[in-house]
């Protein structure tokens, strides 16, 4: 979504822009390096006989492409060999082979990203990770959310909203377990699909919450904008998220955010002045959901306005100007 938005915004400003893609999968770990090196073999110096002036690399392994004018706008690296290594969210083991693969990916990233004329990231969280593991500096360059200019406020309704992919890193199971510790009048709508949908539905039923949780499945853009406009608040509790569009979408829709202390990039915008920040436990998050639910509408609007003012300046003009300023004249 972000790559296509970037292409669209470049084209709007008169740049001839193409998106290069190479098939890639992140499993099994033994195949990752071989697949990543395919990017090193690409010739990205010309397209249809015309010289390419700038290459913008975005996420692993696109960094490996070679070009004399390469700029990185890093969405994320392969997190399983970085901050997620050794956690329940990582498929790597502590075997010698996997340690070697991890070290190789670190080395590839460091070399390829060192070649860039400039390095930008989508958040301080990503920049901090790059500095910690690769000892490379970078500058955060925040992207606007996908429907910037279309978000609106309608009401403070009778539900909290989660929107996103239903996978482990988004911790939707934590939301459902937290709901069991929230006051009985709190309701949750979950918009999105993913590999955990079936198990999450079973969890809600097992916890006796089926009447308080609505699984909406895939939600078209217009419906998502309507849900954001009508929610009482937005709840988003990922693990050390790289950025988190949902944070900006909530504030631009006039809604507060309920999140956790370990949500990563979310916390670059969400504060206790603009939302409710809990420990990543069902009990603490449930209490935060209850507090948000029973906070007065006037106070919720005040908090959301603090968040809106913080994210409103994030616009595409600054992103495009920054990424393209190194193009040779």
C-alpha atoms as a PDB file:
ATOM      1  CA  UNK A   1       0.000   0.000   0.000  1.00  0.00           C
ATOM      2  CA  UNK A   2       2.771   2.413   0.917  1.00  0.00           C
ATOM      3  CA  UNK A   3       4.821   1.627  -2.195  1.00  0.00           C
ATOM      4  CA  UNK A   4       1.837   2.233  -4.454  1.00  0.00           C
ATOM      5  CA  UNK A   5       1.045   5.468  -2.617  1.00  0.00           C
ATOM      6  CA  UNK A   6       4.631   6.592  -3.097  1.00  0.00           C
ATOM      7  CA  UNK A   7       4.487   5.799  -6.814  1.00  0.00           C
ATOM      8  CA  UNK A   8       1.192   7.651  -7.188  1.00  0.00           C
ATOM      9  CA  UNK A   9       2.528  10.752  -5.443  1.00  0.00           C
ATOM     10  CA  UNK A  10       5.726  10.758  -7.520  1.00  0.00           C
ATOM     11  CA  UNK A  11       3.725  10.513 -10.743  1.00  0.00           C
ATOM     12  CA  UNK A  12       1.457  13.349  -9.623  1.00  0.00           C
ATOM     13  CA  UNK A  13       4.546  15.535  -9.381  1.00  0.00           C
ATOM     14  CA  UNK A  14       5.798  14.680 -12.845  1.00  0.00           C
ATOM     15  CA  UNK A  15       8.262  11.873 -12.119  1.00  0.00           C
ATOM     16  CA  UNK A  16       8.317   8.881 -14.469  1.00  0.00           C
ATOM     17  CA  UNK A  17       8.125   6.079 -11.928  1.00  0.00           C
ATOM     18  CA  UNK A  18       8.133   2.293 -12.025  1.00  0.00           C
ATOM     19  CA  UNK A  19       7.772  -0.243  -9.214  1.00  0.00           C
ATOM     20  CA  UNK A  20      10.205  -3.171  -9.336  1.00  0.00           C
ATOM     21  CA  UNK A  21       9.170  -6.380  -7.614  1.00  0.00           C
ATOM     22  CA  UNK A  22      10.828  -9.764  -7.202  1.00  0.00           C
ATOM     23  CA  UNK A  23       8.979 -12.769  -5.731  1.00  0.00           C
ATOM     24  CA  UNK A  24      10.128 -13.338  -2.166  1.00  0.00           C
ATOM     25  CA  UNK A  25       9.019 -15.372   0.818  1.00  0.00           C
ATOM     26  CA  UNK A  26      10.467 -15.252   4.317  1.00  0.00           C
ATOM     27  CA  UNK A  27      10.369 -18.981   5.001  1.00  0.00           C
ATOM     28  CA  UNK A  28      12.068 -21.306   5.457  1.00  0.00           C
ATOM     29  CA  UNK A  29      14.985 -19.330   6.922  1.00  0.00           C
ATOM     30  CA  UNK A  30      17.454 -21.356   4.843  1.00  0.00           C
ATOM     31  CA  UNK A  31      16.075 -19.822   1.623  1.00  0.00           C
ATOM     32  CA  UNK A  32      16.054 -16.151   2.624  1.00  0.00           C
ATOM     33  CA  UNK A  33      19.627 -15.206   1.687  1.00  0.00           C
ATOM     34  CA  UNK A  34      19.484 -16.898  -1.710  1.00  0.00           C
ATOM     35  CA  UNK A  35      16.246 -15.128  -2.567  1.00  0.00           C
ATOM     36  CA  UNK A  36      17.501 -11.786  -1.264  1.00  0.00           C
ATOM     37  CA  UNK A  37      20.576 -11.907  -3.472  1.00  0.00           C
ATOM     38  CA  UNK A  38      18.331 -11.859  -6.550  1.00  0.00           C
ATOM     39  CA  UNK A  39      18.084  -8.103  -5.967  1.00  0.00           C
ATOM     40  CA  UNK A  40      21.858  -7.828  -6.370  1.00  0.00           C
ATOM     41  CA  UNK A  41      21.544  -9.250  -9.875  1.00  0.00           C
ATOM     42  CA  UNK A  42      18.969  -6.730 -11.113  1.00  0.00           C
ATOM     43  CA  UNK A  43      20.008  -4.091 -13.608  1.00  0.00           C
ATOM     44  CA  UNK A  44      18.172  -0.973 -12.472  1.00  0.00           C
ATOM     45  CA  UNK A  45      20.297   1.527 -14.379  1.00  0.00           C
ATOM     46  CA  UNK A  46      17.975   1.744 -17.396  1.00  0.00           C
ATOM     47  CA  UNK A  47      14.326   1.249 -18.299  1.00  0.00           C
ATOM     48  CA  UNK A  48      13.206   0.993 -21.929  1.00  0.00           C
ATOM     49  CA  UNK A  49      16.466   2.598 -23.024  1.00  0.00           C
ATOM     50  CA  UNK A  50      16.128   5.555 -20.643  1.00  0.00           C
ATOM     51  CA  UNK A  51      18.589   6.171 -17.807  1.00  0.00           C
ATOM     52  CA  UNK A  52      17.166   5.732 -14.310  1.00  0.00           C
ATOM     53  CA  UNK A  53      18.107   8.724 -12.155  1.00  0.00           C
ATOM     54  CA  UNK A  54      17.063   7.477  -8.726  1.00  0.00           C
ATOM     55  CA  UNK A  55      16.315   4.188  -6.979  1.00  0.00           C
ATOM     56  CA  UNK A  56      14.301   4.280  -3.749  1.00  0.00           C
ATOM     57  CA  UNK A  57      14.734   1.079  -1.734  1.00  0.00           C
ATOM     58  CA  UNK A  58      12.038   0.398   0.820  1.00  0.00           C
ATOM     59  CA  UNK A  59      12.277  -2.852   2.767  1.00  0.00           C
ATOM     60  CA  UNK A  60      14.425  -5.968   2.907  1.00  0.00           C
ATOM     61  CA  UNK A  61      15.698  -7.198   0.506  1.00  0.00           C
ATOM     62  CA  UNK A  62      15.205  -4.287  -1.949  1.00  0.00           C
ATOM     63  CA  UNK A  63      18.183  -2.533  -0.317  1.00  0.00           C
ATOM     64  CA  UNK A  64      20.488  -4.924  -2.176  1.00  0.00           C
ATOM     65  CA  UNK A  65      19.779  -3.373  -5.591  1.00  0.00           C
ATOM     66  CA  UNK A  66      22.833  -1.503  -6.903  1.00  0.00           C
ATOM     67  CA  UNK A  67      22.603   2.000  -8.331  1.00  0.00           C
ATOM     68  CA  UNK A  68      24.882   5.069  -8.207  1.00  0.00           C
ATOM     69  CA  UNK A  69      22.000   7.155  -6.845  1.00  0.00           C
ATOM     70  CA  UNK A  70      20.222   4.926  -4.345  1.00  0.00           C
ATOM     71  CA  UNK A  71      18.169   6.296  -1.468  1.00  0.00           C
ATOM     72  CA  UNK A  72      16.657   4.142   1.253  1.00  0.00           C
ATOM     73  CA  UNK A  73      13.262   4.871   2.756  1.00  0.00           C
ATOM     74  CA  UNK A  74      13.208   1.946   5.150  1.00  0.00           C
ATOM     75  CA  UNK A  75       9.814   0.525   6.056  1.00  0.00           C
ATOM     76  CA  UNK A  76      11.411  -2.287   8.049  1.00  0.00           C
ATOM     77  CA  UNK A  77      14.185  -4.840   7.928  1.00  0.00           C
ATOM     78  CA  UNK A  78      13.719  -8.588   8.320  1.00  0.00           C
ATOM     79  CA  UNK A  79      12.661  -8.296  11.938  1.00  0.00           C
ATOM     80  CA  UNK A  80      13.064 -11.987  12.750  1.00  0.00           C
ATOM     81  CA  UNK A  81      16.838 -11.524  12.743  1.00  0.00           C
ATOM     82  CA  UNK A  82      16.652  -8.201  14.567  1.00  0.00           C
ATOM     83  CA  UNK A  83      14.324  -7.219  17.405  1.00  0.00           C
ATOM     84  CA  UNK A  84      12.127 -10.316  17.128  1.00  0.00           C
ATOM     85  CA  UNK A  85      15.007 -12.806  17.249  1.00  0.00           C
ATOM     86  CA  UNK A  86      14.617 -15.180  20.175  1.00  0.00           C
ATOM     87  CA  UNK A  87      10.993 -14.218  20.807  1.00  0.00           C
ATOM     88  CA  UNK A  88       7.795 -16.176  20.289  1.00  0.00           C
ATOM     89  CA  UNK A  89       7.305 -14.258  17.036  1.00  0.00           C
ATOM     90  CA  UNK A  90      10.466 -15.646  15.403  1.00  0.00           C
ATOM     91  CA  UNK A  91      10.791 -18.820  13.320  1.00  0.00           C
ATOM     92  CA  UNK A  92      14.579 -18.857  13.698  1.00  0.00           C
ATOM     93  CA  UNK A  93      16.172 -21.203  16.245  1.00  0.00           C
ATOM     94  CA  UNK A  94      19.436 -20.917  18.150  1.00  0.00           C
ATOM     95  CA  UNK A  95      21.109 -23.406  15.808  1.00  0.00           C
ATOM     96  CA  UNK A  96      24.509 -22.665  14.274  1.00  0.00           C
ATOM     97  CA  UNK A  97      22.972 -22.583  10.789  1.00  0.00           C
ATOM     98  CA  UNK A  98      20.355 -20.015  11.757  1.00  0.00           C
ATOM     99  CA  UNK A  99      22.953 -17.918  13.580  1.00  0.00           C
ATOM    100  CA  UNK A 100      24.979 -17.828  10.365  1.00  0.00           C
ATOM    101  CA  UNK A 101      21.924 -16.805   8.343  1.00  0.00           C
ATOM    102  CA  UNK A 102      21.176 -14.036  10.821  1.00  0.00           C
ATOM    103  CA  UNK A 103      24.760 -12.777  10.657  1.00  0.00           C
ATOM    104  CA  UNK A 104      24.701 -12.867   6.859  1.00  0.00           C
ATOM    105  CA  UNK A 105      21.494 -10.824   6.657  1.00  0.00           C
ATOM    106  CA  UNK A 106      22.954  -8.279   9.084  1.00  0.00           C
ATOM    107  CA  UNK A 107      26.071  -8.027   6.921  1.00  0.00           C
ATOM    108  CA  UNK A 108      24.070  -7.690   3.701  1.00  0.00           C
ATOM    109  CA  UNK A 109      21.882  -4.975   5.190  1.00  0.00           C
ATOM    110  CA  UNK A 110      24.822  -3.022   6.554  1.00  0.00           C
ATOM    111  CA  UNK A 111      26.717  -3.117   3.262  1.00  0.00           C
ATOM    112  CA  UNK A 112      23.720  -2.358   1.044  1.00  0.00           C
ATOM    113  CA  UNK A 113      22.417   0.455   3.223  1.00  0.00           C
ATOM    114  CA  UNK A 114      25.904   1.949   3.539  1.00  0.00           C
ATOM    115  CA  UNK A 115      25.846   2.409  -0.247  1.00  0.00           C
ATOM    116  CA  UNK A 116      22.870   4.769  -0.088  1.00  0.00           C
ATOM    117  CA  UNK A 117      23.288   8.481  -0.652  1.00  0.00           C
ATOM    118  CA  UNK A 118      20.694   9.055   2.063  1.00  0.00           C
ATOM    119  CA  UNK A 119      18.897   6.838   4.535  1.00  0.00           C
ATOM    120  CA  UNK A 120      15.406   7.615   5.745  1.00  0.00           C
ATOM    121  CA  UNK A 121      12.944   5.515   7.725  1.00  0.00           C
ATOM    122  CA  UNK A 122       9.213   5.633   8.369  1.00  0.00           C
ATOM    123  CA  UNK A 123       9.703   6.151  12.132  1.00  0.00           C
ATOM    124  CA  UNK A 124      12.143   6.722  14.961  1.00  0.00           C
ATOM    125  CA  UNK A 125      11.501   3.123  15.941  1.00  0.00           C
ATOM    126  CA  UNK A 126      12.958   1.880  12.644  1.00  0.00           C
ATOM    127  CA  UNK A 127      15.844   4.369  12.882  1.00  0.00           C
ATOM    128  CA  UNK A 128      16.672   3.229  16.408  1.00  0.00           C
ATOM    129  CA  UNK A 129      16.648  -0.396  15.285  1.00  0.00           C
ATOM    130  CA  UNK A 130      18.991   0.393  12.379  1.00  0.00           C
ATOM    131  CA  UNK A 131      21.406   2.242  14.650  1.00  0.00           C
ATOM    132  CA  UNK A 132      21.348  -0.484  17.298  1.00  0.00           C
ATOM    133  CA  UNK A 133      21.961  -3.453  15.027  1.00  0.00           C
ATOM    134  CA  UNK A 134      23.754  -1.995  11.982  1.00  0.00           C
ATOM    135  CA  UNK A 135      25.356   1.123  13.472  1.00  0.00           C
ATOM    136  CA  UNK A 136      23.933   3.245  10.689  1.00  0.00           C
ATOM    137  CA  UNK A 137      22.281   6.620  11.106  1.00  0.00           C
ATOM    138  CA  UNK A 138      19.052   7.562   9.362  1.00  0.00           C
ATOM    139  CA  UNK A 139      16.358  10.221   9.436  1.00  0.00           C
ATOM    140  CA  UNK A 140      12.689   9.490  10.196  1.00  0.00           C
ATOM    141  CA  UNK A 141      10.404  10.578   7.354  1.00  0.00           C
ATOM    142  CA  UNK A 142       6.786   9.916   8.258  1.00  0.00           C
ATOM    143  CA  UNK A 143       4.334   8.904   5.505  1.00  0.00           C
ATOM    144  CA  UNK A 144       0.731  10.160   5.561  1.00  0.00           C
ATOM    145  CA  UNK A 145      -1.965   7.509   6.007  1.00  0.00           C
ATOM    146  CA  UNK A 146      -3.513   6.101   2.821  1.00  0.00           C
ATOM    147  CA  UNK A 147      -6.719   8.178   2.850  1.00  0.00           C
ATOM    148  CA  UNK A 148      -5.245  11.476   3.973  1.00  0.00           C
ATOM    149  CA  UNK A 149      -7.759  14.269   3.388  1.00  0.00           C
ATOM    150  CA  UNK A 150     -10.752  11.920   3.650  1.00  0.00           C
ATOM    151  CA  UNK A 151     -10.875  11.123   7.365  1.00  0.00           C
ATOM    152  CA  UNK A 152     -13.774  12.661   9.239  1.00  0.00           C
ATOM    153  CA  UNK A 153     -15.532  12.734  12.597  1.00  0.00           C
ATOM    154  CA  UNK A 154     -19.205  11.799  12.888  1.00  0.00           C
ATOM    155  CA  UNK A 155     -19.866  10.610  16.434  1.00  0.00           C
ATOM    156  CA  UNK A 156     -18.509   8.909  19.520  1.00  0.00           C
ATOM    157  CA  UNK A 157     -20.364   5.661  19.014  1.00  0.00           C
ATOM    158  CA  UNK A 158     -21.006   2.500  20.980  1.00  0.00           C
ATOM    159  CA  UNK A 159     -17.942   0.458  19.974  1.00  0.00           C
ATOM    160  CA  UNK A 160     -14.151   0.424  20.060  1.00  0.00           C
ATOM    161  CA  UNK A 161     -12.494  -0.335  16.732  1.00  0.00           C
ATOM    162  CA  UNK A 162      -9.507  -2.460  15.809  1.00  0.00           C
ATOM    163  CA  UNK A 163      -8.451  -2.334  12.144  1.00  0.00           C
ATOM    164  CA  UNK A 164      -5.598  -4.402  10.777  1.00  0.00           C
ATOM    165  CA  UNK A 165      -4.306  -7.784   9.783  1.00  0.00           C
ATOM    166  CA  UNK A 166      -5.184 -10.648  12.100  1.00  0.00           C
ATOM    167  CA  UNK A 167      -1.733 -12.032  12.761  1.00  0.00           C
ATOM    168  CA  UNK A 168       0.406 -12.612  15.838  1.00  0.00           C
ATOM    169  CA  UNK A 169       2.296  -9.314  15.804  1.00  0.00           C
ATOM    170  CA  UNK A 170      -0.950  -7.333  16.017  1.00  0.00           C
ATOM    171  CA  UNK A 171      -1.932  -9.176  19.231  1.00  0.00           C
ATOM    172  CA  UNK A 172      -5.658  -9.233  18.618  1.00  0.00           C
ATOM    173  CA  UNK A 173      -5.802 -12.111  21.095  1.00  0.00           C
ATOM    174  CA  UNK A 174      -4.645  -9.657  23.742  1.00  0.00           C
ATOM    175  CA  UNK A 175      -7.553  -7.357  22.853  1.00  0.00           C
ATOM    176  CA  UNK A 176     -10.083 -10.142  23.197  1.00  0.00           C
ATOM    177  CA  UNK A 177      -8.645 -11.332  26.505  1.00  0.00           C
ATOM    178  CA  UNK A 178      -8.585  -7.722  27.696  1.00  0.00           C
ATOM    179  CA  UNK A 179     -12.246  -7.329  26.812  1.00  0.00           C
ATOM    180  CA  UNK A 180     -13.004 -10.032  29.374  1.00  0.00           C
ATOM    181  CA  UNK A 181     -11.472  -7.723  32.009  1.00  0.00           C
ATOM    182  CA  UNK A 182     -13.242  -4.581  30.764  1.00  0.00           C
ATOM    183  CA  UNK A 183     -16.654  -3.426  31.968  1.00  0.00           C
ATOM    184  CA  UNK A 184     -19.494  -5.460  30.529  1.00  0.00           C
ATOM    185  CA  UNK A 185     -20.830  -2.611  28.366  1.00  0.00           C
ATOM    186  CA  UNK A 186     -17.625  -2.280  26.296  1.00  0.00           C
ATOM    187  CA  UNK A 187     -18.000  -3.567  22.729  1.00  0.00           C
ATOM    188  CA  UNK A 188     -15.318  -4.240  20.132  1.00  0.00           C
ATOM    189  CA  UNK A 189     -15.448  -4.322  16.337  1.00  0.00           C
ATOM    190  CA  UNK A 190     -12.565  -6.051  14.532  1.00  0.00           C
ATOM    191  CA  UNK A 191     -12.005  -5.095  10.895  1.00  0.00           C
ATOM    192  CA  UNK A 192      -9.538  -7.201   8.945  1.00  0.00           C
ATOM    193  CA  UNK A 193      -8.577 -10.670   7.839  1.00  0.00           C
ATOM    194  CA  UNK A 194      -5.590 -12.874   8.492  1.00  0.00           C
ATOM    195  CA  UNK A 195      -4.355 -16.325   9.436  1.00  0.00           C
ATOM    196  CA  UNK A 196      -5.611 -16.095  13.028  1.00  0.00           C
ATOM    197  CA  UNK A 197      -9.223 -15.202  12.266  1.00  0.00           C
ATOM    198  CA  UNK A 198     -10.572 -18.658  13.044  1.00  0.00           C
ATOM    199  CA  UNK A 199      -8.677 -19.033  16.321  1.00  0.00           C
ATOM    200  CA  UNK A 200      -9.663 -15.499  17.391  1.00  0.00           C
ATOM    201  CA  UNK A 201     -13.336 -16.262  16.824  1.00  0.00           C
ATOM    202  CA  UNK A 202     -12.919 -19.412  18.919  1.00  0.00           C
ATOM    203  CA  UNK A 203     -11.196 -17.423  21.648  1.00  0.00           C
ATOM    204  CA  UNK A 204     -14.038 -14.891  21.793  1.00  0.00           C
ATOM    205  CA  UNK A 205     -16.581 -17.699  22.056  1.00  0.00           C
ATOM    206  CA  UNK A 206     -14.564 -19.546  24.685  1.00  0.00           C
ATOM    207  CA  UNK A 207     -14.314 -16.388  26.793  1.00  0.00           C
ATOM    208  CA  UNK A 208     -18.064 -15.811  26.494  1.00  0.00           C
ATOM    209  CA  UNK A 209     -17.564 -12.611  24.491  1.00  0.00           C
ATOM    210  CA  UNK A 210     -19.241 -13.454  21.192  1.00  0.00           C
ATOM    211  CA  UNK A 211     -22.052 -10.958  21.845  1.00  0.00           C
ATOM    212  CA  UNK A 212     -19.532  -8.161  22.492  1.00  0.00           C
ATOM    213  CA  UNK A 213     -17.095  -8.765  19.611  1.00  0.00           C
ATOM    214  CA  UNK A 214     -18.020  -8.265  15.943  1.00  0.00           C
ATOM    215  CA  UNK A 215     -15.661  -9.772  13.350  1.00  0.00           C
ATOM    216  CA  UNK A 216     -16.229  -7.683  10.221  1.00  0.00           C
ATOM    217  CA  UNK A 217     -13.707  -9.381   7.934  1.00  0.00           C
ATOM    218  CA  UNK A 218     -12.260  -7.377   5.063  1.00  0.00           C
ATOM    219  CA  UNK A 219     -13.630  -3.842   5.083  1.00  0.00           C
ATOM    220  CA  UNK A 220     -13.623  -1.673   1.901  1.00  0.00           C
ATOM    221  CA  UNK A 221     -12.027   1.756   2.185  1.00  0.00           C
ATOM    222  CA  UNK A 222     -15.286   3.682   2.421  1.00  0.00           C
ATOM    223  CA  UNK A 223     -16.588   1.384   5.138  1.00  0.00           C
ATOM    224  CA  UNK A 224     -13.340   1.733   7.077  1.00  0.00           C
ATOM    225  CA  UNK A 225     -13.586   5.520   6.942  1.00  0.00           C
ATOM    226  CA  UNK A 226     -17.161   5.289   8.230  1.00  0.00           C
ATOM    227  CA  UNK A 227     -16.154   2.963  11.063  1.00  0.00           C
ATOM    228  CA  UNK A 228     -13.346   5.305  12.088  1.00  0.00           C
ATOM    229  CA  UNK A 229     -15.727   8.258  11.958  1.00  0.00           C
ATOM    230  CA  UNK A 230     -18.294   6.525  14.199  1.00  0.00           C
ATOM    231  CA  UNK A 231     -16.136   4.658  16.736  1.00  0.00           C
ATOM    232  CA  UNK A 232     -15.913   5.709  20.356  1.00  0.00           C
ATOM    233  CA  UNK A 233     -12.179   5.056  20.240  1.00  0.00           C
ATOM    234  CA  UNK A 234      -9.560   2.996  18.412  1.00  0.00           C
ATOM    235  CA  UNK A 235      -7.569   0.211  20.045  1.00  0.00           C
ATOM    236  CA  UNK A 236      -4.231  -0.870  18.576  1.00  0.00           C
ATOM    237  CA  UNK A 237      -1.666  -2.940  20.475  1.00  0.00           C
ATOM    238  CA  UNK A 238       1.000  -4.372  18.108  1.00  0.00           C
ATOM    239  CA  UNK A 239       4.446  -5.581  19.143  1.00  0.00           C
ATOM    240  CA  UNK A 240       6.994  -2.797  18.599  1.00  0.00           C
ATOM    241  CA  UNK A 241       5.209  -1.638  15.435  1.00  0.00           C
ATOM    242  CA  UNK A 242       7.366  -0.042  12.739  1.00  0.00           C
ATOM    243  CA  UNK A 243       4.890   2.805  12.243  1.00  0.00           C
ATOM    244  CA  UNK A 244       1.174   2.076  12.492  1.00  0.00           C
ATOM    245  CA  UNK A 245      -1.157   3.878  10.093  1.00  0.00           C
ATOM    246  CA  UNK A 246      -4.022   3.204  12.498  1.00  0.00           C
ATOM    247  CA  UNK A 247      -2.599   5.701  14.985  1.00  0.00           C
ATOM    248  CA  UNK A 248      -2.785   8.561  12.499  1.00  0.00           C
ATOM    249  CA  UNK A 249      -6.133   7.391  11.139  1.00  0.00           C
ATOM    250  CA  UNK A 250      -7.642   7.471  14.615  1.00  0.00           C
ATOM    251  CA  UNK A 251      -6.480  10.996  15.388  1.00  0.00           C
ATOM    252  CA  UNK A 252      -7.479  12.355  11.969  1.00  0.00           C
ATOM    253  CA  UNK A 253     -10.929  10.851  12.570  1.00  0.00           C
ATOM    254  CA  UNK A 254     -11.231  12.675  15.900  1.00  0.00           C
ATOM    255  CA  UNK A 255     -10.702   9.557  18.036  1.00  0.00           C
ATOM    256  CA  UNK A 256      -8.438   8.706  20.932  1.00  0.00           C
ATOM    257  CA  UNK A 257      -6.183   5.657  20.839  1.00  0.00           C
ATOM    258  CA  UNK A 258      -5.873   2.828  23.340  1.00  0.00           C
ATOM    259  CA  UNK A 259      -2.475   1.135  23.105  1.00  0.00           C
ATOM    260  CA  UNK A 260       0.362  -0.405  25.135  1.00  0.00           C
ATOM    261  CA  UNK A 261       3.786   0.664  26.374  1.00  0.00           C
ATOM    262  CA  UNK A 262       5.550  -1.684  23.925  1.00  0.00           C
ATOM    263  CA  UNK A 263       3.720  -0.651  20.739  1.00  0.00           C
ATOM    264  CA  UNK A 264       6.797   0.906  19.100  1.00  0.00           C
ATOM    265  CA  UNK A 265       6.113   3.512  16.426  1.00  0.00           C
ATOM    266  CA  UNK A 266       2.574   4.019  17.715  1.00  0.00           C
ATOM    267  CA  UNK A 267       4.062   5.820  20.734  1.00  0.00           C
ATOM    268  CA  UNK A 268       5.784   8.398  18.563  1.00  0.00           C
ATOM    269  CA  UNK A 269       2.341   9.987  18.283  1.00  0.00           C
ATOM    270  CA  UNK A 270       0.138   8.510  21.017  1.00  0.00           C
ATOM    271  CA  UNK A 271       0.709   9.899  24.502  1.00  0.00           C
ATOM    272  CA  UNK A 272      -1.240   9.999  27.736  1.00  0.00           C
ATOM    273  CA  UNK A 273      -2.525  13.404  26.601  1.00  0.00           C
ATOM    274  CA  UNK A 274      -4.057  11.926  23.450  1.00  0.00           C
ATOM    275  CA  UNK A 275      -4.878   8.380  24.471  1.00  0.00           C
ATOM    276  CA  UNK A 276      -4.758   5.559  27.011  1.00  0.00           C
ATOM    277  CA  UNK A 277      -1.516   3.608  27.350  1.00  0.00           C
ATOM    278  CA  UNK A 278      -1.567   0.320  29.237  1.00  0.00           C
ATOM    279  CA  UNK A 279       0.781  -2.504  30.125  1.00  0.00           C
ATOM    280  CA  UNK A 280       0.542  -5.372  27.588  1.00  0.00           C
ATOM    281  CA  UNK A 281      -1.566  -7.545  29.889  1.00  0.00           C
ATOM    282  CA  UNK A 282      -5.282  -8.366  29.669  1.00  0.00           C
ATOM    283  CA  UNK A 283      -5.914  -6.808  33.063  1.00  0.00           C
ATOM    284  CA  UNK A 284      -4.161  -3.498  32.370  1.00  0.00           C
ATOM    285  CA  UNK A 285      -5.496  -3.176  28.834  1.00  0.00           C
ATOM    286  CA  UNK A 286      -9.004  -4.070  29.997  1.00  0.00           C
ATOM    287  CA  UNK A 287      -8.828  -1.293  32.575  1.00  0.00           C
ATOM    288  CA  UNK A 288      -7.695   1.164  29.877  1.00  0.00           C
ATOM    289  CA  UNK A 289     -10.564   0.132  27.623  1.00  0.00           C
ATOM    290  CA  UNK A 290     -12.992   0.662  30.494  1.00  0.00           C
ATOM    291  CA  UNK A 291     -11.514   4.080  31.268  1.00  0.00           C
ATOM    292  CA  UNK A 292     -11.759   5.155  27.643  1.00  0.00           C
ATOM    293  CA  UNK A 293     -15.325   3.866  27.402  1.00  0.00           C
ATOM    294  CA  UNK A 294     -16.489   5.868  30.409  1.00  0.00           C
ATOM    295  CA  UNK A 295     -14.513   9.063  29.766  1.00  0.00           C
ATOM    296  CA  UNK A 296     -16.817  11.972  28.910  1.00  0.00           C
ATOM    297  CA  UNK A 297     -17.331  12.814  25.227  1.00  0.00           C
ATOM    298  CA  UNK A 298     -15.944  16.309  25.785  1.00  0.00           C
ATOM    299  CA  UNK A 299     -12.737  14.919  27.251  1.00  0.00           C
ATOM    300  CA  UNK A 300     -12.381  12.321  24.477  1.00  0.00           C
ATOM    301  CA  UNK A 301     -12.653  15.070  21.878  1.00  0.00           C
ATOM    302  CA  UNK A 302     -10.020  17.152  23.660  1.00  0.00           C
ATOM    303  CA  UNK A 303      -7.627  14.204  23.755  1.00  0.00           C
ATOM    304  CA  UNK A 304      -8.183  13.357  20.097  1.00  0.00           C
ATOM    305  CA  UNK A 305      -7.508  16.971  19.132  1.00  0.00           C
ATOM    306  CA  UNK A 306      -4.088  16.767  20.795  1.00  0.00           C
ATOM    307  CA  UNK A 307      -3.308  13.777  18.601  1.00  0.00           C
ATOM    308  CA  UNK A 308      -4.727  15.367  15.468  1.00  0.00           C
ATOM    309  CA  UNK A 309      -2.530  18.441  15.839  1.00  0.00           C
ATOM    310  CA  UNK A 310       0.517  16.210  16.150  1.00  0.00           C
ATOM    311  CA  UNK A 311      -0.100  14.195  12.975  1.00  0.00           C
ATOM    312  CA  UNK A 312      -1.809  16.805  10.763  1.00  0.00           C
ATOM    313  CA  UNK A 313       1.495  18.245   9.415  1.00  0.00           C
ATOM    314  CA  UNK A 314       2.482  14.869   7.920  1.00  0.00           C
ATOM    315  CA  UNK A 315       1.960  15.393   4.172  1.00  0.00           C
ATOM    316  CA  UNK A 316       3.300  13.943   0.922  1.00  0.00           C
ATOM    317  CA  UNK A 317       4.998  17.121  -0.329  1.00  0.00           C
ATOM    318  CA  UNK A 318       7.690  16.914   2.330  1.00  0.00           C
ATOM    319  CA  UNK A 319       8.203  13.191   1.713  1.00  0.00           C
ATOM    320  CA  UNK A 320       8.624  13.538  -2.052  1.00  0.00           C
ATOM    321  CA  UNK A 321      10.845  16.623  -1.815  1.00  0.00           C
ATOM    322  CA  UNK A 322      13.128  14.866   0.662  1.00  0.00           C
ATOM    323  CA  UNK A 323      13.411  11.583  -1.228  1.00  0.00           C
ATOM    324  CA  UNK A 324      14.134  13.216  -4.583  1.00  0.00           C
ATOM    325  CA  UNK A 325      16.506  15.995  -3.559  1.00  0.00           C
ATOM    326  CA  UNK A 326      19.564  13.865  -4.390  1.00  0.00           C
ATOM    327  CA  UNK A 327      18.610  13.338  -8.057  1.00  0.00           C
ATOM    328  CA  UNK A 328      21.519  14.631 -10.134  1.00  0.00           C
ATOM    329  CA  UNK A 329      20.685  17.884 -11.902  1.00  0.00           C
END
